[in-house]
C-alpha atoms as a PDB file:
ATOM      1  CA  UNK A   1     195.730-106.303  26.243  1.00  0.00           C
ATOM      2  CA  UNK A   2     199.312-107.381  25.608  1.00  0.00           C
ATOM      3  CA  UNK A   3     198.199-108.994  22.375  1.00  0.00           C
ATOM      4  CA  UNK A   4     196.288-105.862  21.408  1.00  0.00           C
ATOM      5  CA  UNK A   5     199.297-103.633  22.113  1.00  0.00           C
ATOM      6  CA  UNK A   6     201.596-105.955  20.182  1.00  0.00           C
ATOM      7  CA  UNK A   7     199.247-105.937  17.208  1.00  0.00           C
ATOM      8  CA  UNK A   8     199.085-102.143  17.278  1.00  0.00           C
ATOM      9  CA  UNK A   9     202.859-101.878  17.426  1.00  0.00           C
ATOM     10  CA  UNK A  10     203.321-104.372  14.610  1.00  0.00           C
ATOM     11  CA  UNK A  11     200.900-102.520  12.366  1.00  0.00           C
ATOM     12  CA  UNK A  12     202.542 -99.189  13.144  1.00  0.00           C
ATOM     13  CA  UNK A  13     205.979-100.303  12.050  1.00  0.00           C
ATOM     14  CA  UNK A  14     205.135-102.729   9.257  1.00  0.00           C
ATOM     15  CA  UNK A  15     203.675-100.026   6.983  1.00  0.00           C
ATOM     16  CA  UNK A  16     201.328-102.666   5.594  1.00  0.00           C
ATOM     17  CA  UNK A  17     198.310-100.355   5.404  1.00  0.00           C
ATOM     18  CA  UNK A  18     196.040-103.201   4.265  1.00  0.00           C
ATOM     19  CA  UNK A  19     197.945-106.088   5.807  1.00  0.00           C
ATOM     20  CA  UNK A  20     194.868-107.420   7.580  1.00  0.00           C
ATOM     21  CA  UNK A  21     192.942-107.808   4.322  1.00  0.00           C
ATOM     22  CA  UNK A  22     195.789-108.576   1.915  1.00  0.00           C
ATOM     23  CA  UNK A  23     195.016-111.584  -0.287  1.00  0.00           C
ATOM     24  CA  UNK A  24     197.672-114.242  -0.777  1.00  0.00           C
ATOM     25  CA  UNK A  25     198.231-114.887  -4.475  1.00  0.00           C
ATOM     26  CA  UNK A  26     201.202-117.230  -4.118  1.00  0.00           C
ATOM     27  CA  UNK A  27     202.535-119.457  -1.352  1.00  0.00           C
ATOM     28  CA  UNK A  28     204.978-122.309  -1.838  1.00  0.00           C
ATOM     29  CA  UNK A  29     207.949-123.739   0.058  1.00  0.00           C
ATOM     30  CA  UNK A  30     208.453-120.791   2.406  1.00  0.00           C
ATOM     31  CA  UNK A  31     207.778-118.081  -0.176  1.00  0.00           C
ATOM     32  CA  UNK A  32     204.607-115.984  -0.301  1.00  0.00           C
ATOM     33  CA  UNK A  33     203.247-112.990  -2.190  1.00  0.00           C
ATOM     34  CA  UNK A  34     200.162-110.936  -1.271  1.00  0.00           C
ATOM     35  CA  UNK A  35     198.289-107.999  -2.761  1.00  0.00           C
ATOM     36  CA  UNK A  36     196.190-105.547  -0.761  1.00  0.00           C
ATOM     37  CA  UNK A  37     195.020-101.972  -0.674  1.00  0.00           C
ATOM     38  CA  UNK A  38     191.963 -99.776  -0.570  1.00  0.00           C
ATOM     39  CA  UNK A  39     189.558 -97.852  -2.777  1.00  0.00           C
ATOM     40  CA  UNK A  40     188.299 -94.796  -0.905  1.00  0.00           C
ATOM     41  CA  UNK A  41     185.737 -92.287  -2.176  1.00  0.00           C
ATOM     42  CA  UNK A  42     185.882 -89.046  -0.142  1.00  0.00           C
ATOM     43  CA  UNK A  43     183.931 -85.819  -0.570  1.00  0.00           C
ATOM     44  CA  UNK A  44     184.827 -82.806   1.587  1.00  0.00           C
ATOM     45  CA  UNK A  45     182.706 -79.697   2.037  1.00  0.00           C
ATOM     46  CA  UNK A  46     184.772 -76.564   2.666  1.00  0.00           C
ATOM     47  CA  UNK A  47     184.727 -72.925   1.558  1.00  0.00           C
ATOM     48  CA  UNK A  48     181.152 -73.354   0.258  1.00  0.00           C
ATOM     49  CA  UNK A  49     182.252 -76.019  -2.202  1.00  0.00           C
ATOM     50  CA  UNK A  50     182.563 -79.787  -2.446  1.00  0.00           C
ATOM     51  CA  UNK A  51     186.050 -81.180  -3.076  1.00  0.00           C
ATOM     52  CA  UNK A  52     186.672 -84.716  -4.343  1.00  0.00           C
ATOM     53  CA  UNK A  53     189.536 -86.233  -2.300  1.00  0.00           C
ATOM     54  CA  UNK A  54     189.089 -89.823  -3.470  1.00  0.00           C
ATOM     55  CA  UNK A  55     192.127 -92.090  -3.611  1.00  0.00           C
ATOM     56  CA  UNK A  56     193.292 -95.632  -4.291  1.00  0.00           C
ATOM     57  CA  UNK A  57     196.156 -97.444  -2.593  1.00  0.00           C
ATOM     58  CA  UNK A  58     197.636-100.695  -3.892  1.00  0.00           C
ATOM     59  CA  UNK A  59     200.336-102.659  -2.110  1.00  0.00           C
ATOM     60  CA  UNK A  60     202.372-105.780  -2.772  1.00  0.00           C
ATOM     61  CA  UNK A  61     204.149-107.669  -0.004  1.00  0.00           C
ATOM     62  CA  UNK A  62     206.472-110.629  -0.339  1.00  0.00           C
ATOM     63  CA  UNK A  63     208.329-112.898   2.057  1.00  0.00           C
ATOM     64  CA  UNK A  64     210.702-115.816   1.573  1.00  0.00           C
ATOM     65  CA  UNK A  65     212.325-118.052   4.170  1.00  0.00           C
ATOM     66  CA  UNK A  66     216.130-117.870   3.921  1.00  0.00           C
ATOM     67  CA  UNK A  67     217.156-119.497   7.204  1.00  0.00           C
ATOM     68  CA  UNK A  68     215.934-120.788  10.541  1.00  0.00           C
ATOM     69  CA  UNK A  69     213.505-118.076  11.686  1.00  0.00           C
ATOM     70  CA  UNK A  70     214.899-115.599   9.135  1.00  0.00           C
ATOM     71  CA  UNK A  71     213.051-114.272   6.081  1.00  0.00           C
ATOM     72  CA  UNK A  72     213.717-111.848   3.269  1.00  0.00           C
ATOM     73  CA  UNK A  73     210.867-109.360   2.858  1.00  0.00           C
ATOM     74  CA  UNK A  74     209.776-106.749   0.335  1.00  0.00           C
ATOM     75  CA  UNK A  75     206.977-104.205   0.308  1.00  0.00           C
ATOM     76  CA  UNK A  76     205.626-101.654  -2.173  1.00  0.00           C
ATOM     77  CA  UNK A  77     202.642 -99.310  -1.928  1.00  0.00           C
ATOM     78  CA  UNK A  78     201.430 -96.732  -4.440  1.00  0.00           C
ATOM     79  CA  UNK A  79     198.714 -94.131  -3.931  1.00  0.00           C
ATOM     80  CA  UNK A  80     196.667 -92.811  -6.852  1.00  0.00           C
ATOM     81  CA  UNK A  81     194.559 -89.645  -6.917  1.00  0.00           C
ATOM     82  CA  UNK A  82     192.864 -87.764  -9.741  1.00  0.00           C
ATOM     83  CA  UNK A  83     195.499 -85.003  -9.617  1.00  0.00           C
ATOM     84  CA  UNK A  84     198.649 -87.024  -8.867  1.00  0.00           C
ATOM     85  CA  UNK A  85     200.080 -90.275  -7.563  1.00  0.00           C
ATOM     86  CA  UNK A  86     202.982 -91.153  -5.296  1.00  0.00           C
ATOM     87  CA  UNK A  87     204.963 -94.051  -3.898  1.00  0.00           C
ATOM     88  CA  UNK A  88     204.157 -94.368  -0.219  1.00  0.00           C
ATOM     89  CA  UNK A  89     206.500 -97.240   0.604  1.00  0.00           C
ATOM     90  CA  UNK A  90     209.177 -99.173  -1.270  1.00  0.00           C
ATOM     91  CA  UNK A  91     211.634-101.290   0.698  1.00  0.00           C
ATOM     92  CA  UNK A  92     213.256-104.685   1.133  1.00  0.00           C
ATOM     93  CA  UNK A  93     215.042-106.223   4.074  1.00  0.00           C
ATOM     94  CA  UNK A  94     215.315-109.010   6.611  1.00  0.00           C
ATOM     95  CA  UNK A  95     212.850-110.200   9.248  1.00  0.00           C
ATOM     96  CA  UNK A  96     213.942-112.501  12.071  1.00  0.00           C
ATOM     97  CA  UNK A  97     212.592-114.066  15.236  1.00  0.00           C
ATOM     98  CA  UNK A  98     214.395-112.649  18.279  1.00  0.00           C
ATOM     99  CA  UNK A  99     213.508-114.276  21.596  1.00  0.00           C
ATOM    100  CA  UNK A 100     209.782-113.796  22.180  1.00  0.00           C
ATOM    101  CA  UNK A 101     209.588-111.093  19.521  1.00  0.00           C
ATOM    102  CA  UNK A 102     210.341-110.188  15.942  1.00  0.00           C
ATOM    103  CA  UNK A 103     212.859-107.767  14.455  1.00  0.00           C
ATOM    104  CA  UNK A 104     213.211-106.383  10.952  1.00  0.00           C
ATOM    105  CA  UNK A 105     215.797-104.287   9.160  1.00  0.00           C
ATOM    106  CA  UNK A 106     214.731-102.653   5.886  1.00  0.00           C
ATOM    107  CA  UNK A 107     216.031-100.093   3.399  1.00  0.00           C
ATOM    108  CA  UNK A 108     214.208 -97.886   0.900  1.00  0.00           C
ATOM    109  CA  UNK A 109     211.201 -95.643   1.454  1.00  0.00           C
ATOM    110  CA  UNK A 110     210.268 -96.788   4.936  1.00  0.00           C
ATOM    111  CA  UNK A 111     208.074 -95.855   7.859  1.00  0.00           C
ATOM    112  CA  UNK A 112     209.544 -93.539  10.487  1.00  0.00           C
ATOM    113  CA  UNK A 113     209.851 -94.579  14.108  1.00  0.00           C
ATOM    114  CA  UNK A 114     207.738 -91.674  15.450  1.00  0.00           C
ATOM    115  CA  UNK A 115     204.567 -93.540  14.440  1.00  0.00           C
ATOM    116  CA  UNK A 116     204.981 -95.592  17.601  1.00  0.00           C
ATOM    117  CA  UNK A 117     204.173 -92.431  19.553  1.00  0.00           C
ATOM    118  CA  UNK A 118     201.782 -90.533  17.302  1.00  0.00           C
ATOM    119  CA  UNK A 119     199.548 -93.568  16.768  1.00  0.00           C
ATOM    120  CA  UNK A 120     198.408 -93.079  20.358  1.00  0.00           C
ATOM    121  CA  UNK A 121     196.213 -90.185  19.156  1.00  0.00           C
ATOM    122  CA  UNK A 122     196.211 -90.446  15.344  1.00  0.00           C
ATOM    123  CA  UNK A 123     193.218 -92.811  15.300  1.00  0.00           C
ATOM    124  CA  UNK A 124     190.435 -90.843  13.638  1.00  0.00           C
ATOM    125  CA  UNK A 125     188.939 -91.605  10.240  1.00  0.00           C
ATOM    126  CA  UNK A 126     190.037 -88.326   8.659  1.00  0.00           C
ATOM    127  CA  UNK A 127     190.913 -85.340  10.828  1.00  0.00           C
ATOM    128  CA  UNK A 128     192.771 -84.949  14.108  1.00  0.00           C
ATOM    129  CA  UNK A 129     196.470 -85.349  14.941  1.00  0.00           C
ATOM    130  CA  UNK A 130     197.117 -81.591  15.136  1.00  0.00           C
ATOM    131  CA  UNK A 131     200.162 -81.820  17.395  1.00  0.00           C
ATOM    132  CA  UNK A 132     200.971 -85.367  16.261  1.00  0.00           C
ATOM    133  CA  UNK A 133     201.754 -84.250  12.716  1.00  0.00           C
ATOM    134  CA  UNK A 134     205.170 -85.840  12.197  1.00  0.00           C
ATOM    135  CA  UNK A 135     208.210 -84.513  10.339  1.00  0.00           C
ATOM    136  CA  UNK A 136     209.032 -86.423   7.169  1.00  0.00           C
ATOM    137  CA  UNK A 137     211.845 -88.433   8.752  1.00  0.00           C
ATOM    138  CA  UNK A 138     209.562 -89.631  11.540  1.00  0.00           C
ATOM    139  CA  UNK A 139     206.597 -90.387   9.279  1.00  0.00           C
ATOM    140  CA  UNK A 140     207.617 -91.862   5.919  1.00  0.00           C
ATOM    141  CA  UNK A 141     210.889 -91.128   4.157  1.00  0.00           C
ATOM    142  CA  UNK A 142     213.034 -92.293   1.213  1.00  0.00           C
ATOM    143  CA  UNK A 143     216.708 -93.326   1.302  1.00  0.00           C
ATOM    144  CA  UNK A 144     216.053 -94.659   4.784  1.00  0.00           C
ATOM    145  CA  UNK A 145     217.433 -97.592   6.719  1.00  0.00           C
ATOM    146  CA  UNK A 146     215.095 -98.624   9.511  1.00  0.00           C
ATOM    147  CA  UNK A 147     214.901-101.300  12.165  1.00  0.00           C
ATOM    148  CA  UNK A 148     211.872-102.253  14.257  1.00  0.00           C
ATOM    149  CA  UNK A 149     211.253-104.748  17.043  1.00  0.00           C
ATOM    150  CA  UNK A 150     208.077-105.991  18.749  1.00  0.00           C
ATOM    151  CA  UNK A 151     207.520-108.733  21.320  1.00  0.00           C
ATOM    152  CA  UNK A 152     204.792-110.562  23.221  1.00  0.00           C
ATOM    153  CA  UNK A 153     205.229-108.307  26.263  1.00  0.00           C
ATOM    154  CA  UNK A 154     203.828-105.301  24.402  1.00  0.00           C
ATOM    155  CA  UNK A 155     207.214-103.713  23.650  1.00  0.00           C
ATOM    156  CA  UNK A 156     207.747-101.895  20.340  1.00  0.00           C
ATOM    157  CA  UNK A 157     211.021-100.192  19.385  1.00  0.00           C
ATOM    158  CA  UNK A 158     212.084 -98.412  16.211  1.00  0.00           C
ATOM    159  CA  UNK A 159     214.844 -96.303  14.720  1.00  0.00           C
ATOM    160  CA  UNK A 160     215.433 -94.996  11.199  1.00  0.00           C
ATOM    161  CA  UNK A 161     218.012 -92.822   9.456  1.00  0.00           C
ATOM    162  CA  UNK A 162     217.561 -91.103   6.099  1.00  0.00           C
ATOM    163  CA  UNK A 163     220.302 -89.668   3.887  1.00  0.00           C
ATOM    164  CA  UNK A 164     220.399 -87.020   1.181  1.00  0.00           C
ATOM    165  CA  UNK A 165     217.701 -87.003  -1.514  1.00  0.00           C
ATOM    166  CA  UNK A 166     215.362 -84.623  -3.332  1.00  0.00           C
ATOM    167  CA  UNK A 167     211.796 -83.913  -2.214  1.00  0.00           C
ATOM    168  CA  UNK A 168     210.103 -81.934  -4.970  1.00  0.00           C
ATOM    169  CA  UNK A 169     212.272 -78.799  -5.350  1.00  0.00           C
ATOM    170  CA  UNK A 170     213.914 -79.150  -1.940  1.00  0.00           C
ATOM    171  CA  UNK A 171     216.879 -81.190  -0.704  1.00  0.00           C
ATOM    172  CA  UNK A 172     216.589 -83.429   2.320  1.00  0.00           C
ATOM    173  CA  UNK A 173     220.127 -83.523   3.756  1.00  0.00           C
ATOM    174  CA  UNK A 174     219.806 -86.019   6.605  1.00  0.00           C
ATOM    175  CA  UNK A 175     217.686 -86.970   9.589  1.00  0.00           C
ATOM    176  CA  UNK A 176     216.693 -89.689  12.029  1.00  0.00           C
ATOM    177  CA  UNK A 177     213.925 -90.693  14.393  1.00  0.00           C
ATOM    178  CA  UNK A 178     213.606 -93.084  17.309  1.00  0.00           C
ATOM    179  CA  UNK A 179     210.495 -94.331  19.046  1.00  0.00           C
ATOM    180  CA  UNK A 180     209.392 -96.761  21.729  1.00  0.00           C
ATOM    181  CA  UNK A 181     206.122 -97.915  23.259  1.00  0.00           C
ATOM    182  CA  UNK A 182     205.307-100.275  26.104  1.00  0.00           C
ATOM    183  CA  UNK A 183     202.062-101.854  27.258  1.00  0.00           C
ATOM    184  CA  UNK A 184     201.843-101.891  31.059  1.00  0.00           C
ATOM    185  CA  UNK A 185     200.931-105.487  31.897  1.00  0.00           C
ATOM    186  CA  UNK A 186     197.174-106.035  31.522  1.00  0.00           C
ATOM    187  CA  UNK A 187     196.114-102.588  32.715  1.00  0.00           C
ATOM    188  CA  UNK A 188     195.052-101.360  29.268  1.00  0.00           C
ATOM    189  CA  UNK A 189     197.660 -98.587  29.458  1.00  0.00           C
ATOM    190  CA  UNK A 190     200.379 -98.071  26.835  1.00  0.00           C
ATOM    191  CA  UNK A 191     203.122 -95.440  27.158  1.00  0.00           C
ATOM    192  CA  UNK A 192     205.268 -94.154  24.284  1.00  0.00           C
ATOM    193  CA  UNK A 193     208.021 -91.655  23.535  1.00  0.00           C
ATOM    194  CA  UNK A 194     210.047 -90.597  20.519  1.00  0.00           C
ATOM    195  CA  UNK A 195     212.465 -88.069  19.050  1.00  0.00           C
ATOM    196  CA  UNK A 196     213.091 -86.875  15.480  1.00  0.00           C
ATOM    197  CA  UNK A 197     215.626 -84.511  13.925  1.00  0.00           C
ATOM    198  CA  UNK A 198     216.012 -83.517  10.277  1.00  0.00           C
ATOM    199  CA  UNK A 199     217.758 -80.937   8.095  1.00  0.00           C
ATOM    200  CA  UNK A 200     216.431 -79.725   4.734  1.00  0.00           C
ATOM    201  CA  UNK A 201     217.485 -77.087   2.224  1.00  0.00           C
ATOM    202  CA  UNK A 202     214.508 -75.036   1.013  1.00  0.00           C
ATOM    203  CA  UNK A 203     214.986 -72.275  -1.539  1.00  0.00           C
ATOM    204  CA  UNK A 204     218.712 -72.296  -0.812  1.00  0.00           C
ATOM    205  CA  UNK A 205     218.286 -71.965   2.954  1.00  0.00           C
ATOM    206  CA  UNK A 206     219.099 -74.735   5.399  1.00  0.00           C
ATOM    207  CA  UNK A 207     216.339 -75.479   7.903  1.00  0.00           C
ATOM    208  CA  UNK A 208     216.678 -77.809  10.870  1.00  0.00           C
ATOM    209  CA  UNK A 209     213.711 -79.172  12.809  1.00  0.00           C
ATOM    210  CA  UNK A 210     213.483 -81.430  15.825  1.00  0.00           C
ATOM    211  CA  UNK A 211     210.650 -82.775  17.947  1.00  0.00           C
ATOM    212  CA  UNK A 212     210.274 -84.715  21.179  1.00  0.00           C
ATOM    213  CA  UNK A 213     206.950 -86.467  21.815  1.00  0.00           C
ATOM    214  CA  UNK A 214     205.440 -88.413  24.685  1.00  0.00           C
ATOM    215  CA  UNK A 215     202.112 -90.184  24.439  1.00  0.00           C
ATOM    216  CA  UNK A 216     199.778 -92.597  26.150  1.00  0.00           C
ATOM    217  CA  UNK A 217     196.799 -94.738  25.257  1.00  0.00           C
ATOM    218  CA  UNK A 218     194.298 -96.330  27.620  1.00  0.00           C
ATOM    219  CA  UNK A 219     191.789 -98.992  26.588  1.00  0.00           C
ATOM    220  CA  UNK A 220     189.003-100.122  28.896  1.00  0.00           C
ATOM    221  CA  UNK A 221     186.284-102.256  27.332  1.00  0.00           C
ATOM    222  CA  UNK A 222     184.698-100.215  24.511  1.00  0.00           C
ATOM    223  CA  UNK A 223     186.353 -96.934  25.518  1.00  0.00           C
ATOM    224  CA  UNK A 224     189.755 -95.630  24.411  1.00  0.00           C
ATOM    225  CA  UNK A 225     191.545 -92.466  25.525  1.00  0.00           C
ATOM    226  CA  UNK A 226     194.745 -91.184  23.917  1.00  0.00           C
ATOM    227  CA  UNK A 227     196.938 -88.172  24.703  1.00  0.00           C
ATOM    228  CA  UNK A 228     200.141 -86.752  23.250  1.00  0.00           C
ATOM    229  CA  UNK A 229     202.465 -83.857  24.060  1.00  0.00           C
ATOM    230  CA  UNK A 230     205.044 -82.512  21.624  1.00  0.00           C
ATOM    231  CA  UNK A 231     207.925 -80.068  22.014  1.00  0.00           C
ATOM    232  CA  UNK A 232     209.454 -78.860  18.756  1.00  0.00           C
ATOM    233  CA  UNK A 233     212.193 -76.640  17.445  1.00  0.00           C
ATOM    234  CA  UNK A 234     211.413 -75.245  13.989  1.00  0.00           C
ATOM    235  CA  UNK A 235     214.581 -73.483  12.928  1.00  0.00           C
ATOM    236  CA  UNK A 236     214.809 -70.453  15.205  1.00  0.00           C
ATOM    237  CA  UNK A 237     211.269 -70.900  16.540  1.00  0.00           C
ATOM    238  CA  UNK A 238     210.066 -73.035  19.436  1.00  0.00           C
ATOM    239  CA  UNK A 239     206.731 -74.813  19.461  1.00  0.00           C
ATOM    240  CA  UNK A 240     204.747 -77.081  21.722  1.00  0.00           C
ATOM    241  CA  UNK A 241     201.323 -78.629  21.637  1.00  0.00           C
ATOM    242  CA  UNK A 242     199.085 -81.537  22.554  1.00  0.00           C
ATOM    243  CA  UNK A 243     196.360 -83.826  21.265  1.00  0.00           C
ATOM    244  CA  UNK A 244     193.656 -85.637  23.197  1.00  0.00           C
ATOM    245  CA  UNK A 245     191.218 -88.063  21.612  1.00  0.00           C
ATOM    246  CA  UNK A 246     188.480 -90.353  22.887  1.00  0.00           C
ATOM    247  CA  UNK A 247     186.907 -93.248  21.019  1.00  0.00           C
ATOM    248  CA  UNK A 248     183.862 -95.302  21.912  1.00  0.00           C
ATOM    249  CA  UNK A 249     182.818 -98.519  20.203  1.00  0.00           C
ATOM    250  CA  UNK A 250     179.053 -98.271  20.266  1.00  0.00           C
ATOM    251  CA  UNK A 251     178.467-101.835  19.024  1.00  0.00           C
ATOM    252  CA  UNK A 252     179.983-104.336  16.594  1.00  0.00           C
ATOM    253  CA  UNK A 253     179.525-101.881  13.688  1.00  0.00           C
ATOM    254  CA  UNK A 254     179.640 -98.267  14.907  1.00  0.00           C
ATOM    255  CA  UNK A 255     182.502 -96.366  16.516  1.00  0.00           C
ATOM    256  CA  UNK A 256     182.622 -92.653  17.397  1.00  0.00           C
ATOM    257  CA  UNK A 257     185.606 -90.424  18.152  1.00  0.00           C
ATOM    258  CA  UNK A 258     186.083 -86.914  19.498  1.00  0.00           C
ATOM    259  CA  UNK A 259     189.400 -85.071  19.538  1.00  0.00           C
ATOM    260  CA  UNK A 260     191.025 -81.736  20.279  1.00  0.00           C
ATOM    261  CA  UNK A 261     194.514 -80.557  19.504  1.00  0.00           C
ATOM    262  CA  UNK A 262     196.646 -77.454  19.270  1.00  0.00           C
ATOM    263  CA  UNK A 263     200.177 -76.493  18.292  1.00  0.00           C
ATOM    264  CA  UNK A 264     201.530 -73.200  19.595  1.00  0.00           C
ATOM    265  CA  UNK A 265     204.460 -71.679  17.690  1.00  0.00           C
ATOM    266  CA  UNK A 266     206.262 -68.895  19.533  1.00  0.00           C
ATOM    267  CA  UNK A 267     206.260 -65.781  17.338  1.00  0.00           C
ATOM    268  CA  UNK A 268     204.437 -67.795  14.677  1.00  0.00           C
ATOM    269  CA  UNK A 269     201.044 -69.089  13.622  1.00  0.00           C
ATOM    270  CA  UNK A 270     199.082 -71.349  15.973  1.00  0.00           C
ATOM    271  CA  UNK A 271     196.925 -74.294  14.944  1.00  0.00           C
ATOM    272  CA  UNK A 272     193.935 -75.377  17.029  1.00  0.00           C
ATOM    273  CA  UNK A 273     190.975 -77.578  16.113  1.00  0.00           C
ATOM    274  CA  UNK A 274     188.249 -79.805  17.484  1.00  0.00           C
ATOM    275  CA  UNK A 275     187.076 -82.773  15.425  1.00  0.00           C
ATOM    276  CA  UNK A 276     184.942 -85.870  15.521  1.00  0.00           C
ATOM    277  CA  UNK A 277     183.657 -88.695  13.370  1.00  0.00           C
ATOM    278  CA  UNK A 278     181.465 -91.760  13.334  1.00  0.00           C
ATOM    279  CA  UNK A 279     182.484 -94.854  11.405  1.00  0.00           C
ATOM    280  CA  UNK A 280     180.351 -97.814  10.410  1.00  0.00           C
ATOM    281  CA  UNK A 281     182.521-100.870   9.777  1.00  0.00           C
ATOM    282  CA  UNK A 282     180.126-103.236   8.020  1.00  0.00           C
ATOM    283  CA  UNK A 283     182.695-106.017   7.731  1.00  0.00           C
ATOM    284  CA  UNK A 284     186.493-106.286   7.500  1.00  0.00           C
ATOM    285  CA  UNK A 285     186.399-105.054   3.891  1.00  0.00           C
ATOM    286  CA  UNK A 286     183.887-102.190   3.799  1.00  0.00           C
ATOM    287  CA  UNK A 287     183.265 -99.125   5.967  1.00  0.00           C
ATOM    288  CA  UNK A 288     181.604 -95.718   5.723  1.00  0.00           C
ATOM    289  CA  UNK A 289     182.220 -92.607   7.797  1.00  0.00           C
ATOM    290  CA  UNK A 290     181.220 -89.006   8.422  1.00  0.00           C
ATOM    291  CA  UNK A 291     183.679 -86.533   9.953  1.00  0.00           C
ATOM    292  CA  UNK A 292     183.799 -82.868  10.910  1.00  0.00           C
ATOM    293  CA  UNK A 293     186.683 -80.546  11.805  1.00  0.00           C
ATOM    294  CA  UNK A 294     186.390 -77.032  13.232  1.00  0.00           C
ATOM    295  CA  UNK A 295     189.499 -74.828  13.148  1.00  0.00           C
ATOM    296  CA  UNK A 296     189.063 -72.407  16.031  1.00  0.00           C
ATOM    297  CA  UNK A 297     191.926 -70.145  14.899  1.00  0.00           C
ATOM    298  CA  UNK A 298     190.498 -69.222  11.480  1.00  0.00           C
ATOM    299  CA  UNK A 299     186.852 -70.062  12.314  1.00  0.00           C
ATOM    300  CA  UNK A 300     186.548 -72.618   9.522  1.00  0.00           C
ATOM    301  CA  UNK A 301     184.566 -75.862   9.337  1.00  0.00           C
ATOM    302  CA  UNK A 302     185.258 -78.889   7.145  1.00  0.00           C
ATOM    303  CA  UNK A 303     182.926 -81.860   6.705  1.00  0.00           C
ATOM    304  CA  UNK A 304     183.806 -85.114   4.969  1.00  0.00           C
ATOM    305  CA  UNK A 305     181.800 -88.160   3.919  1.00  0.00           C
ATOM    306  CA  UNK A 306     183.638 -91.293   2.859  1.00  0.00           C
ATOM    307  CA  UNK A 307     183.267 -94.908   1.853  1.00  0.00           C
ATOM    308  CA  UNK A 308     186.234 -97.290   1.868  1.00  0.00           C
ATOM    309  CA  UNK A 309     186.680-100.771   0.453  1.00  0.00           C
ATOM    310  CA  UNK A 310     189.745-102.691   1.661  1.00  0.00           C
ATOM    311  CA  UNK A 311     191.087-105.642  -0.278  1.00  0.00           C
END
């Protein structure tokens, strides 16, 4: 379980969305370069219509040994859709062995540290993560310096700070997030907590948001249970909410999940939904899935079918 928790933590903070399947295209004298990504066809039924939400992600990762246990690293990932495309990650930095673990410091468009907490419940193929929806600084943000650490004891730590930059028509002034998770020996239990704070200027008005999350994940054989609680301050409004999700690995191919989440905003609009999916992972490169989401607040159902090829 320690190895499983360490792997989860490493994937959360590395931002290498296809790191498991990335193909090495160059390796020589301590320097390597790999290309990975996914091609994902997705069709969603909503409002009596079918919407094409297909996308492609391509990433490039590089590493070069610059000292004893120290490497320079770089990572880039672009997402393409029919309507638009965007850079998901773009950073370089240093990775080093520290005791029984590994630390990295990177700058650019990086992952936010809150993923260490929200990944406890954000495990479904498509929907879910109602309360676990992170602010930009805790999710993925530009002009960010970030440091992450993981070790063999199931400890994962992260912190990132982002400075002023433009997001569409708005100005992101500054923000930071911190996160930590810890596997509890070999019990199958992992606990996590995190905090994020950011300030943006939208339409000439400054808006500050903060959130404090706690989460847990419990794995026992083929069954996984995750839970998260969030307390947020959205300008002058307070909000709190929770997510719970269960996953069951039916056999070597099929896995099913069921989740429920809600976010209550005082004197504002609430969000509440139940969702589920079944995924068939045919091998490490190809999977198909079917998912459904029912929003109990607006009485609306969404259904999605997808096929994904990882490379």
